[in-house]
Amino acid sequence: MKKNITALFLFVSGLIFSQHIEEFKITDEWLAKMEQLAPSETTVKNVAKKKILVFSKATGFDHWTIPHNTEMLKILGKKTGAFEIHIAYDIDSFEKNSLKKYNAVVFNNCNPSGPKRDLFWDLLQMNSNLSDNKIAALSKQYETNLLNYVASGGGLMILHGAITVQNNSKEFSKMTGGSFDYHPKQQEMHVKEVDPKHPLVQAFNGNGLTHVDEPYFFNNAYFDYNFRPLLYIEIDKLEGMKKEVDEKVNYVSWIKRHGKGRVFYSSPSHNAQSLDHPELLQFFLDGLQYVVGDLECDDSPIGK
């Protein structure tokens, strides 16, 4: 009898888990739910409307949540009235004059292909007849444009897999706070606040967030800890680790300054089901307010 109960529990648990990660299309019902769950006002009020460029073109792994995140950001902007959201897929968005139009850029899971891991290279190769040498030079120029844009005061918000946009660039890694290394299998995890009193994690009310996600691990500039961490996961609670680590925690979200600009990174989330948590929507909204300079908070790096 006990064996039957155990088997039934495992079967039901498996069904619940599969439902968490099952892909689904955007419907009117889902959009209505997002409208209801989204915050109706910003944390910092009475601020000028900001223009946000949301770049959503992947050339490598195509996260199924890209269109869901796009709709979510549009809803946040419209419902609060604080942001004018512009969706883009073309590399021309990273021309100097184009970037100047916006207060911040959001990279929405725009993963490039490997092993080069260079989004600008991929886009140029797909949409031009230029030589490899010319593509390399232009790709570097677009990267420089973005680095200078942020250093001059622009905001940059990076969602989940978009940490790989220029994954092999030391300059890009230094600006963003790290590069993608690998992730174990998707699993349920409890993401916790590093400092529950920090203004950017107030949405979680000290409870963190339990959801199914990919536990991202990072390398390159990450281990300089040149950022202010916001959320973490406990490594000893994870399954399927591919490498031994000395650290007890892994940071999965942080903020940092780059010159006069601000960067916000959130590894959560790989799955659109996580957007059912209103606290995560508030977290993203606060992140937008941070990168445009409306929400001031401690973003000093913790260092090694």
C-alpha atoms as a PDB file:
ATOM      1  CA  MET A   1       0.000   0.000   0.000  1.00  0.00           C
ATOM      2  CA  LYS A   2       2.802   2.387   0.955  1.00  0.00           C
ATOM      3  CA  LYS A   3       4.613   1.647  -2.333  1.00  0.00           C
ATOM      4  CA  ASN A   4       1.445   2.470  -4.292  1.00  0.00           C
ATOM      5  CA  ILE A   5       1.012   5.763  -2.434  1.00  0.00           C
ATOM      6  CA  THR A   6       4.660   6.673  -3.057  1.00  0.00           C
ATOM      7  CA  ALA A   7       4.359   5.842  -6.751  1.00  0.00           C
ATOM      8  CA  LEU A   8       1.181   7.906  -7.028  1.00  0.00           C
ATOM      9  CA  PHE A   9       2.861  10.854  -5.287  1.00  0.00           C
ATOM     10  CA  LEU A  10       5.842  10.723  -7.652  1.00  0.00           C
ATOM     11  CA  PHE A  11       3.526  10.493 -10.666  1.00  0.00           C
ATOM     12  CA  VAL A  12       1.455  13.493  -9.557  1.00  0.00           C
ATOM     13  CA  SER A  13       4.619  15.451  -8.704  1.00  0.00           C
ATOM     14  CA  GLY A  14       5.931  14.728 -12.178  1.00  0.00           C
ATOM     15  CA  LEU A  15       2.709  15.981 -13.731  1.00  0.00           C
ATOM     16  CA  ILE A  16       2.828  19.173 -11.673  1.00  0.00           C
ATOM     17  CA  PHE A  17       6.448  19.761 -12.643  1.00  0.00           C
ATOM     18  CA  SER A  18       5.753  19.166 -16.349  1.00  0.00           C
ATOM     19  CA  GLN A  19       2.902  21.648 -16.211  1.00  0.00           C
ATOM     20  CA  HIS A  20       5.289  24.258 -14.844  1.00  0.00           C
ATOM     21  CA  ILE A  21       7.613  24.009 -17.839  1.00  0.00           C
ATOM     22  CA  GLU A  22       5.110  23.313 -20.603  1.00  0.00           C
ATOM     23  CA  GLU A  23       5.182  25.921 -23.350  1.00  0.00           C
ATOM     24  CA  PHE A  24       1.985  27.766 -24.142  1.00  0.00           C
ATOM     25  CA  LYS A  25       0.890  30.383 -26.640  1.00  0.00           C
ATOM     26  CA  ILE A  26      -0.142  33.896 -25.785  1.00  0.00           C
ATOM     27  CA  THR A  27      -3.913  34.135 -25.567  1.00  0.00           C
ATOM     28  CA  ASP A  28      -6.390  36.880 -24.719  1.00  0.00           C
ATOM     29  CA  GLU A  29      -6.972  35.109 -21.413  1.00  0.00           C
ATOM     30  CA  TRP A  30      -3.261  35.146 -20.557  1.00  0.00           C
ATOM     31  CA  LEU A  31      -2.941  38.818 -21.499  1.00  0.00           C
ATOM     32  CA  ALA A  32      -5.933  39.630 -19.313  1.00  0.00           C
ATOM     33  CA  LYS A  33      -4.307  37.767 -16.433  1.00  0.00           C
ATOM     34  CA  MET A  34      -1.079  39.726 -16.881  1.00  0.00           C
ATOM     35  CA  GLU A  35      -3.076  42.963 -16.928  1.00  0.00           C
ATOM     36  CA  GLN A  36      -4.621  41.994 -13.620  1.00  0.00           C
ATOM     37  CA  LEU A  37      -1.376  40.842 -11.973  1.00  0.00           C
ATOM     38  CA  ALA A  38       0.800  43.743 -13.141  1.00  0.00           C
ATOM     39  CA  PRO A  39       1.382  46.644 -10.724  1.00  0.00           C
ATOM     40  CA  SER A  40      -0.748  49.685 -11.453  1.00  0.00           C
ATOM     41  CA  GLU A  41       1.851  52.208 -10.324  1.00  0.00           C
ATOM     42  CA  THR A  42       5.590  52.544 -10.006  1.00  0.00           C
ATOM     43  CA  THR A  43       7.491  52.561  -6.731  1.00  0.00           C
ATOM     44  CA  VAL A  44       8.890  56.020  -7.519  1.00  0.00           C
ATOM     45  CA  LYS A  45       6.006  58.219  -8.638  1.00  0.00           C
ATOM     46  CA  ASN A  46       5.629  61.493 -10.510  1.00  0.00           C
ATOM     47  CA  VAL A  47       8.486  60.859 -12.928  1.00  0.00           C
ATOM     48  CA  ALA A  48       8.728  61.642 -16.628  1.00  0.00           C
ATOM     49  CA  LYS A  49       7.807  58.872 -19.072  1.00  0.00           C
ATOM     50  CA  LYS A  50      10.910  57.047 -20.280  1.00  0.00           C
ATOM     51  CA  LYS A  51      11.558  55.466 -23.694  1.00  0.00           C
ATOM     52  CA  ILE A  52      12.672  51.839 -23.523  1.00  0.00           C
ATOM     53  CA  LEU A  53      14.131  49.784 -26.383  1.00  0.00           C
ATOM     54  CA  VAL A  54      13.310  46.088 -25.937  1.00  0.00           C
ATOM     55  CA  PHE A  55      15.539  44.019 -28.208  1.00  0.00           C
ATOM     56  CA  SER A  56      14.048  40.559 -28.690  1.00  0.00           C
ATOM     57  CA  LYS A  57      15.890  38.844 -31.552  1.00  0.00           C
ATOM     58  CA  ALA A  58      17.691  35.594 -30.763  1.00  0.00           C
ATOM     59  CA  THR A  59      20.077  34.020 -33.254  1.00  0.00           C
ATOM     60  CA  GLY A  60      20.975  31.019 -31.083  1.00  0.00           C
ATOM     61  CA  PHE A  61      18.769  29.287 -28.519  1.00  0.00           C
ATOM     62  CA  ASP A  62      15.272  30.679 -28.979  1.00  0.00           C
ATOM     63  CA  HIS A  63      13.663  31.017 -25.548  1.00  0.00           C
ATOM     64  CA  TRP A  64       9.942  30.420 -25.879  1.00  0.00           C
ATOM     65  CA  THR A  65       9.308  33.167 -23.310  1.00  0.00           C
ATOM     66  CA  ILE A  66      10.595  35.970 -25.561  1.00  0.00           C
ATOM     67  CA  PRO A  67       7.121  37.010 -26.815  1.00  0.00           C
ATOM     68  CA  HIS A  68       5.657  36.592 -23.330  1.00  0.00           C
ATOM     69  CA  ASN A  69       8.292  38.917 -21.863  1.00  0.00           C
ATOM     70  CA  THR A  70       7.630  41.386 -24.654  1.00  0.00           C
ATOM     71  CA  GLU A  71       3.933  41.501 -23.817  1.00  0.00           C
ATOM     72  CA  MET A  72       4.676  41.683 -20.092  1.00  0.00           C
ATOM     73  CA  LEU A  73       6.934  44.717 -20.542  1.00  0.00           C
ATOM     74  CA  LYS A  74       4.356  46.415 -22.759  1.00  0.00           C
ATOM     75  CA  ILE A  75       1.732  45.866 -20.080  1.00  0.00           C
ATOM     76  CA  LEU A  76       4.000  47.256 -17.349  1.00  0.00           C
ATOM     77  CA  GLY A  77       4.669  50.351 -19.435  1.00  0.00           C
ATOM     78  CA  LYS A  78       1.049  50.940 -20.402  1.00  0.00           C
ATOM     79  CA  LYS A  79      -0.556  50.176 -17.049  1.00  0.00           C
ATOM     80  CA  THR A  80       1.784  52.403 -15.040  1.00  0.00           C
ATOM     81  CA  GLY A  81       2.137  55.043 -17.762  1.00  0.00           C
ATOM     82  CA  ALA A  82       5.816  55.295 -16.832  1.00  0.00           C
ATOM     83  CA  PHE A  83       7.389  53.732 -19.928  1.00  0.00           C
ATOM     84  CA  GLU A  84       7.046  53.930 -23.681  1.00  0.00           C
ATOM     85  CA  ILE A  85       8.050  50.471 -24.883  1.00  0.00           C
ATOM     86  CA  HIS A  86       9.585  50.028 -28.358  1.00  0.00           C
ATOM     87  CA  ILE A  87      10.127  46.454 -29.582  1.00  0.00           C
ATOM     88  CA  ALA A  88      13.060  45.919 -31.959  1.00  0.00           C
ATOM     89  CA  TYR A  89      14.639  43.029 -33.879  1.00  0.00           C
ATOM     90  CA  ASP A  90      17.091  44.775 -36.243  1.00  0.00           C
ATOM     91  CA  ILE A  91      20.756  45.501 -35.656  1.00  0.00           C
ATOM     92  CA  ASP A  92      20.238  49.106 -36.776  1.00  0.00           C
ATOM     93  CA  SER A  93      18.903  49.650 -33.260  1.00  0.00           C
ATOM     94  CA  PHE A  94      22.507  49.762 -32.069  1.00  0.00           C
ATOM     95  CA  GLU A  95      23.581  52.637 -34.270  1.00  0.00           C
ATOM     96  CA  LYS A  96      24.739  55.570 -32.141  1.00  0.00           C
ATOM     97  CA  ASN A  97      21.913  57.860 -33.229  1.00  0.00           C
ATOM     98  CA  SER A  98      19.327  55.168 -32.608  1.00  0.00           C
ATOM     99  CA  LEU A  99      20.506  54.422 -29.069  1.00  0.00           C
ATOM    100  CA  LYS A 100      20.352  58.125 -28.211  1.00  0.00           C
ATOM    101  CA  LYS A 101      16.560  58.004 -28.564  1.00  0.00           C
ATOM    102  CA  TYR A 102      16.156  55.744 -25.536  1.00  0.00           C
ATOM    103  CA  ASN A 103      16.616  56.002 -21.792  1.00  0.00           C
ATOM    104  CA  ALA A 104      17.355  52.294 -21.512  1.00  0.00           C
ATOM    105  CA  VAL A 105      17.786  49.082 -23.489  1.00  0.00           C
ATOM    106  CA  VAL A 106      16.286  45.750 -22.453  1.00  0.00           C
ATOM    107  CA  PHE A 107      17.904  42.584 -23.783  1.00  0.00           C
ATOM    108  CA  ASN A 108      15.065  40.066 -23.848  1.00  0.00           C
ATOM    109  CA  ASN A 109      16.641  36.586 -24.045  1.00  0.00           C
ATOM    110  CA  CYS A 110      18.414  37.518 -27.283  1.00  0.00           C
ATOM    111  CA  ASN A 111      20.873  34.652 -27.200  1.00  0.00           C
ATOM    112  CA  PRO A 112      23.494  34.430 -29.963  1.00  0.00           C
ATOM    113  CA  SER A 113      24.685  31.123 -31.400  1.00  0.00           C
ATOM    114  CA  GLY A 114      27.801  29.350 -30.194  1.00  0.00           C
ATOM    115  CA  PRO A 115      30.707  29.027 -30.061  1.00  0.00           C
ATOM    116  CA  LYS A 116      31.279  32.636 -31.155  1.00  0.00           C
ATOM    117  CA  ARG A 117      28.481  33.971 -28.905  1.00  0.00           C
ATOM    118  CA  ASP A 118      28.406  37.346 -30.630  1.00  0.00           C
ATOM    119  CA  LEU A 119      24.885  38.637 -31.294  1.00  0.00           C
ATOM    120  CA  PHE A 120      26.032  41.493 -33.509  1.00  0.00           C
ATOM    121  CA  TRP A 121      28.170  39.150 -35.652  1.00  0.00           C
ATOM    122  CA  ASP A 122      25.227  36.788 -36.074  1.00  0.00           C
ATOM    123  CA  LEU A 123      22.810  39.543 -37.089  1.00  0.00           C
ATOM    124  CA  LEU A 124      25.246  40.993 -39.629  1.00  0.00           C
ATOM    125  CA  GLN A 125      26.026  37.582 -41.086  1.00  0.00           C
ATOM    126  CA  MET A 126      22.316  36.771 -41.422  1.00  0.00           C
ATOM    127  CA  ASN A 127      21.299  40.086 -42.964  1.00  0.00           C
ATOM    128  CA  SER A 128      24.211  41.241 -45.120  1.00  0.00           C
ATOM    129  CA  ASN A 129      26.630  40.100 -47.818  1.00  0.00           C
ATOM    130  CA  LEU A 130      29.648  41.628 -46.124  1.00  0.00           C
ATOM    131  CA  SER A 131      32.992  39.865 -45.803  1.00  0.00           C
ATOM    132  CA  ASP A 132      33.945  38.227 -42.517  1.00  0.00           C
ATOM    133  CA  ASN A 133      36.529  40.943 -41.871  1.00  0.00           C
ATOM    134  CA  LYS A 134      33.954  43.687 -42.401  1.00  0.00           C
ATOM    135  CA  ILE A 135      31.446  41.861 -40.210  1.00  0.00           C
ATOM    136  CA  ALA A 136      34.041  41.535 -37.445  1.00  0.00           C
ATOM    137  CA  ALA A 137      34.807  45.252 -37.565  1.00  0.00           C
ATOM    138  CA  LEU A 138      31.143  46.278 -37.580  1.00  0.00           C
ATOM    139  CA  SER A 139      30.284  43.841 -34.807  1.00  0.00           C
ATOM    140  CA  LYS A 140      32.975  45.386 -32.634  1.00  0.00           C
ATOM    141  CA  GLN A 141      31.635  48.849 -33.460  1.00  0.00           C
ATOM    142  CA  TYR A 142      28.103  47.923 -32.376  1.00  0.00           C
ATOM    143  CA  GLU A 143      29.472  46.523 -29.133  1.00  0.00           C
ATOM    144  CA  THR A 144      31.446  49.717 -28.580  1.00  0.00           C
ATOM    145  CA  ASN A 145      28.318  51.768 -29.286  1.00  0.00           C
ATOM    146  CA  LEU A 146      26.466  49.900 -26.551  1.00  0.00           C
ATOM    147  CA  LEU A 147      29.331  50.118 -24.063  1.00  0.00           C
ATOM    148  CA  ASN A 148      29.607  53.870 -24.642  1.00  0.00           C
ATOM    149  CA  TYR A 149      25.836  54.307 -24.459  1.00  0.00           C
ATOM    150  CA  VAL A 150      25.691  52.807 -20.985  1.00  0.00           C
ATOM    151  CA  ALA A 151      28.898  54.491 -19.810  1.00  0.00           C
ATOM    152  CA  SER A 152      27.406  57.837 -20.868  1.00  0.00           C
ATOM    153  CA  GLY A 153      24.309  57.332 -18.727  1.00  0.00           C
ATOM    154  CA  GLY A 154      22.057  54.884 -20.572  1.00  0.00           C
ATOM    155  CA  GLY A 155      20.350  52.027 -18.772  1.00  0.00           C
ATOM    156  CA  LEU A 156      20.672  48.317 -19.544  1.00  0.00           C
ATOM    157  CA  MET A 157      18.302  45.606 -18.314  1.00  0.00           C
ATOM    158  CA  ILE A 158      19.198  41.998 -19.131  1.00  0.00           C
ATOM    159  CA  LEU A 159      16.685  39.176 -18.888  1.00  0.00           C
ATOM    160  CA  HIS A 160      17.800  35.585 -18.353  1.00  0.00           C
ATOM    161  CA  GLY A 161      19.685  34.204 -21.371  1.00  0.00           C
ATOM    162  CA  ALA A 162      20.601  37.607 -22.798  1.00  0.00           C
ATOM    163  CA  ILE A 163      23.645  37.640 -20.514  1.00  0.00           C
ATOM    164  CA  THR A 164      25.219  35.771 -23.472  1.00  0.00           C
ATOM    165  CA  VAL A 165      24.806  38.639 -25.981  1.00  0.00           C
ATOM    166  CA  GLN A 166      28.600  39.104 -26.194  1.00  0.00           C
ATOM    167  CA  ASN A 167      29.561  36.168 -24.013  1.00  0.00           C
ATOM    168  CA  ASN A 168      33.243  36.018 -25.003  1.00  0.00           C
ATOM    169  CA  SER A 169      33.892  39.741 -24.697  1.00  0.00           C
ATOM    170  CA  LYS A 170      35.813  40.780 -21.586  1.00  0.00           C
ATOM    171  CA  GLU A 171      34.585  44.374 -21.955  1.00  0.00           C
ATOM    172  CA  PHE A 172      30.957  43.289 -22.183  1.00  0.00           C
ATOM    173  CA  SER A 173      31.350  40.905 -19.241  1.00  0.00           C
ATOM    174  CA  LYS A 174      32.844  43.686 -17.139  1.00  0.00           C
ATOM    175  CA  MET A 175      29.915  45.959 -17.976  1.00  0.00           C
ATOM    176  CA  THR A 176      27.215  43.364 -17.318  1.00  0.00           C
ATOM    177  CA  GLY A 177      28.813  41.746 -14.264  1.00  0.00           C
ATOM    178  CA  GLY A 178      29.591  38.351 -15.725  1.00  0.00           C
ATOM    179  CA  SER A 179      29.274  35.874 -18.578  1.00  0.00           C
ATOM    180  CA  PHE A 180      27.186  32.723 -18.841  1.00  0.00           C
ATOM    181  CA  ASP A 181      28.985  29.489 -17.963  1.00  0.00           C
ATOM    182  CA  TYR A 182      26.356  26.711 -17.810  1.00  0.00           C
ATOM    183  CA  HIS A 183      23.203  25.621 -16.044  1.00  0.00           C
ATOM    184  CA  PRO A 184      22.052  22.336 -14.497  1.00  0.00           C
ATOM    185  CA  LYS A 185      18.634  20.964 -15.429  1.00  0.00           C
ATOM    186  CA  GLN A 186      15.463  22.935 -14.841  1.00  0.00           C
ATOM    187  CA  GLN A 187      14.208  22.397 -11.320  1.00  0.00           C
ATOM    188  CA  GLU A 188      12.162  23.953  -8.574  1.00  0.00           C
ATOM    189  CA  MET A 189      14.262  26.368  -6.573  1.00  0.00           C
ATOM    190  CA  HIS A 190      13.847  28.918  -3.842  1.00  0.00           C
ATOM    191  CA  VAL A 191      15.404  32.211  -4.904  1.00  0.00           C
ATOM    192  CA  LYS A 192      16.193  34.345  -1.860  1.00  0.00           C
ATOM    193  CA  GLU A 193      16.966  38.002  -1.235  1.00  0.00           C
ATOM    194  CA  VAL A 194      20.570  38.850  -0.380  1.00  0.00           C
ATOM    195  CA  ASP A 195      19.417  41.841   1.671  1.00  0.00           C
ATOM    196  CA  PRO A 196      15.650  41.837   2.313  1.00  0.00           C
ATOM    197  CA  LYS A 197      15.851  45.547   3.169  1.00  0.00           C
ATOM    198  CA  HIS A 198      17.248  46.569  -0.219  1.00  0.00           C
ATOM    199  CA  PRO A 199      14.720  48.706  -2.154  1.00  0.00           C
ATOM    200  CA  LEU A 200      14.954  46.579  -5.294  1.00  0.00           C
ATOM    201  CA  VAL A 201      13.793  43.373  -3.591  1.00  0.00           C
ATOM    202  CA  GLN A 202      10.954  44.824  -1.525  1.00  0.00           C
ATOM    203  CA  ALA A 203       8.483  43.126  -3.848  1.00  0.00           C
ATOM    204  CA  PHE A 204       9.335  39.728  -2.350  1.00  0.00           C
ATOM    205  CA  ASN A 205       8.494  40.775   1.240  1.00  0.00           C
ATOM    206  CA  GLY A 206      11.340  38.691   2.649  1.00  0.00           C
ATOM    207  CA  ASN A 207       9.893  35.472   1.219  1.00  0.00           C
ATOM    208  CA  GLY A 208      11.953  35.177  -1.936  1.00  0.00           C
ATOM    209  CA  LEU A 209      10.477  33.332  -4.919  1.00  0.00           C
ATOM    210  CA  THR A 210       9.873  29.615  -5.388  1.00  0.00           C
ATOM    211  CA  HIS A 211       9.530  28.608  -9.022  1.00  0.00           C
ATOM    212  CA  VAL A 212      10.858  26.274 -11.702  1.00  0.00           C
ATOM    213  CA  ASP A 213      13.835  27.701 -13.534  1.00  0.00           C
ATOM    214  CA  GLU A 214      17.296  27.059 -14.912  1.00  0.00           C
ATOM    215  CA  PRO A 215      19.935  27.717 -12.224  1.00  0.00           C
ATOM    216  CA  TYR A 216      22.432  29.808 -14.148  1.00  0.00           C
ATOM    217  CA  PHE A 217      26.134  29.807 -13.276  1.00  0.00           C
ATOM    218  CA  PHE A 218      28.555  32.475 -14.486  1.00  0.00           C
ATOM    219  CA  ASN A 219      32.236  33.114 -15.155  1.00  0.00           C
ATOM    220  CA  ASN A 220      34.642  35.809 -16.362  1.00  0.00           C
ATOM    221  CA  ALA A 221      33.896  39.150 -14.624  1.00  0.00           C
ATOM    222  CA  TYR A 222      31.367  37.489 -12.292  1.00  0.00           C
ATOM    223  CA  PHE A 223      34.082  36.469  -9.841  1.00  0.00           C
ATOM    224  CA  ASP A 224      35.225  40.065  -9.451  1.00  0.00           C
ATOM    225  CA  TYR A 225      31.841  40.613  -7.760  1.00  0.00           C
ATOM    226  CA  ASN A 226      31.833  44.098  -9.203  1.00  0.00           C
ATOM    227  CA  PHE A 227      28.097  44.367  -8.565  1.00  0.00           C
ATOM    228  CA  ARG A 228      25.495  44.619  -5.801  1.00  0.00           C
ATOM    229  CA  PRO A 229      23.766  41.186  -5.629  1.00  0.00           C
ATOM    230  CA  LEU A 230      20.004  41.092  -5.199  1.00  0.00           C
ATOM    231  CA  LEU A 231      18.955  37.433  -5.353  1.00  0.00           C
ATOM    232  CA  TYR A 232      20.735  34.140  -4.764  1.00  0.00           C
ATOM    233  CA  ILE A 233      20.201  30.389  -4.695  1.00  0.00           C
ATOM    234  CA  GLU A 234      21.794  27.899  -2.314  1.00  0.00           C
ATOM    235  CA  ILE A 235      24.104  25.647  -4.295  1.00  0.00           C
ATOM    236  CA  ASP A 236      23.785  22.622  -2.017  1.00  0.00           C
ATOM    237  CA  LYS A 237      20.041  22.551  -2.736  1.00  0.00           C
ATOM    238  CA  LEU A 238      20.560  22.107  -6.496  1.00  0.00           C
ATOM    239  CA  GLU A 239      20.550  18.895  -8.502  1.00  0.00           C
ATOM    240  CA  GLY A 240      22.687  18.051 -11.522  1.00  0.00           C
ATOM    241  CA  MET A 241      25.743  20.205 -10.828  1.00  0.00           C
ATOM    242  CA  LYS A 242      28.411  19.712 -13.497  1.00  0.00           C
ATOM    243  CA  LYS A 243      31.263  21.391 -11.628  1.00  0.00           C
ATOM    244  CA  GLU A 244      32.482  21.504  -8.068  1.00  0.00           C
ATOM    245  CA  VAL A 245      32.352  24.957  -6.529  1.00  0.00           C
ATOM    246  CA  ASP A 246      33.773  26.496  -3.381  1.00  0.00           C
ATOM    247  CA  GLU A 247      30.911  28.964  -2.936  1.00  0.00           C
ATOM    248  CA  LYS A 248      27.795  28.208  -0.903  1.00  0.00           C
ATOM    249  CA  VAL A 249      25.563  30.596  -2.839  1.00  0.00           C
ATOM    250  CA  ASN A 250      25.164  31.582  -6.454  1.00  0.00           C
ATOM    251  CA  TYR A 251      23.934  35.078  -7.290  1.00  0.00           C
ATOM    252  CA  VAL A 252      21.244  35.097  -9.975  1.00  0.00           C
ATOM    253  CA  SER A 253      20.341  38.795 -10.030  1.00  0.00           C
ATOM    254  CA  TRP A 254      22.311  41.972  -9.442  1.00  0.00           C
ATOM    255  CA  ILE A 255      22.690  45.663 -10.219  1.00  0.00           C
ATOM    256  CA  LYS A 256      25.786  47.683 -10.970  1.00  0.00           C
ATOM    257  CA  ARG A 257      27.078  50.946 -12.326  1.00  0.00           C
ATOM    258  CA  HIS A 258      28.971  51.223 -15.573  1.00  0.00           C
ATOM    259  CA  GLY A 259      30.344  54.713 -15.917  1.00  0.00           C
ATOM    260  CA  LYS A 260      27.340  57.018 -15.562  1.00  0.00           C
ATOM    261  CA  GLY A 261      24.901  54.251 -16.504  1.00  0.00           C
ATOM    262  CA  ARG A 262      23.146  51.449 -14.645  1.00  0.00           C
ATOM    263  CA  VAL A 263      22.825  47.724 -15.316  1.00  0.00           C
ATOM    264  CA  PHE A 264      20.191  45.323 -13.943  1.00  0.00           C
ATOM    265  CA  TYR A 265      20.465  41.564 -14.516  1.00  0.00           C
ATOM    266  CA  SER A 266      17.879  38.925 -13.654  1.00  0.00           C
ATOM    267  CA  SER A 267      18.406  35.260 -14.402  1.00  0.00           C
ATOM    268  CA  PRO A 268      14.800  34.520 -13.385  1.00  0.00           C
ATOM    269  CA  SER A 269      13.116  33.362 -15.469  1.00  0.00           C
ATOM    270  CA  HIS A 270      13.300  30.762 -18.212  1.00  0.00           C
ATOM    271  CA  ASN A 271       9.567  30.016 -18.061  1.00  0.00           C
ATOM    272  CA  ALA A 272       6.593  32.283 -18.627  1.00  0.00           C
ATOM    273  CA  GLN A 273       4.797  30.553 -15.739  1.00  0.00           C
ATOM    274  CA  SER A 274       7.033  32.539 -13.379  1.00  0.00           C
ATOM    275  CA  LEU A 275       5.250  35.689 -14.532  1.00  0.00           C
ATOM    276  CA  ASP A 276       2.218  34.438 -12.618  1.00  0.00           C
ATOM    277  CA  HIS A 277       4.007  35.753  -9.523  1.00  0.00           C
ATOM    278  CA  PRO A 278       3.068  39.444  -9.129  1.00  0.00           C
ATOM    279  CA  GLU A 279       6.163  39.975  -7.000  1.00  0.00           C
ATOM    280  CA  LEU A 280       8.348  39.115  -9.998  1.00  0.00           C
ATOM    281  CA  LEU A 281       6.458  41.626 -12.147  1.00  0.00           C
ATOM    282  CA  GLN A 282       7.034  44.277  -9.483  1.00  0.00           C
ATOM    283  CA  PHE A 283      10.721  43.300  -9.369  1.00  0.00           C
ATOM    284  CA  PHE A 284      11.047  43.838 -13.118  1.00  0.00           C
ATOM    285  CA  LEU A 285       9.216  47.155 -12.880  1.00  0.00           C
ATOM    286  CA  ASP A 286      11.557  48.307 -10.106  1.00  0.00           C
ATOM    287  CA  GLY A 287      14.496  47.143 -12.217  1.00  0.00           C
ATOM    288  CA  LEU A 288      13.308  49.343 -15.066  1.00  0.00           C
ATOM    289  CA  GLN A 289      13.011  52.295 -12.718  1.00  0.00           C
ATOM    290  CA  TYR A 290      16.531  51.624 -11.482  1.00  0.00           C
ATOM    291  CA  VAL A 291      18.197  51.510 -14.902  1.00  0.00           C
ATOM    292  CA  VAL A 292      16.547  54.759 -16.057  1.00  0.00           C
ATOM    293  CA  GLY A 293      17.746  56.471 -12.877  1.00  0.00           C
ATOM    294  CA  ASP A 294      14.387  57.030 -11.168  1.00  0.00           C
ATOM    295  CA  LEU A 295      14.884  54.516  -8.355  1.00  0.00           C
ATOM    296  CA  GLU A 296      18.032  55.327  -6.424  1.00  0.00           C
ATOM    297  CA  CYS A 297      19.515  52.669  -4.164  1.00  0.00           C
ATOM    298  CA  ASP A 298      22.781  51.158  -3.007  1.00  0.00           C
ATOM    299  CA  ASP A 299      24.465  49.723  -6.100  1.00  0.00           C
ATOM    300  CA  SER A 300      28.012  49.679  -4.731  1.00  0.00           C
ATOM    301  CA  PRO A 301      29.961  46.507  -5.618  1.00  0.00           C
ATOM    302  CA  ILE A 302      30.619  43.937  -2.894  1.00  0.00           C
ATOM    303  CA  GLY A 303      34.043  43.077  -4.376  1.00  0.00           C
ATOM    304  CA  LYS A 304      35.964  39.849  -3.959  1.00  0.00           C
END
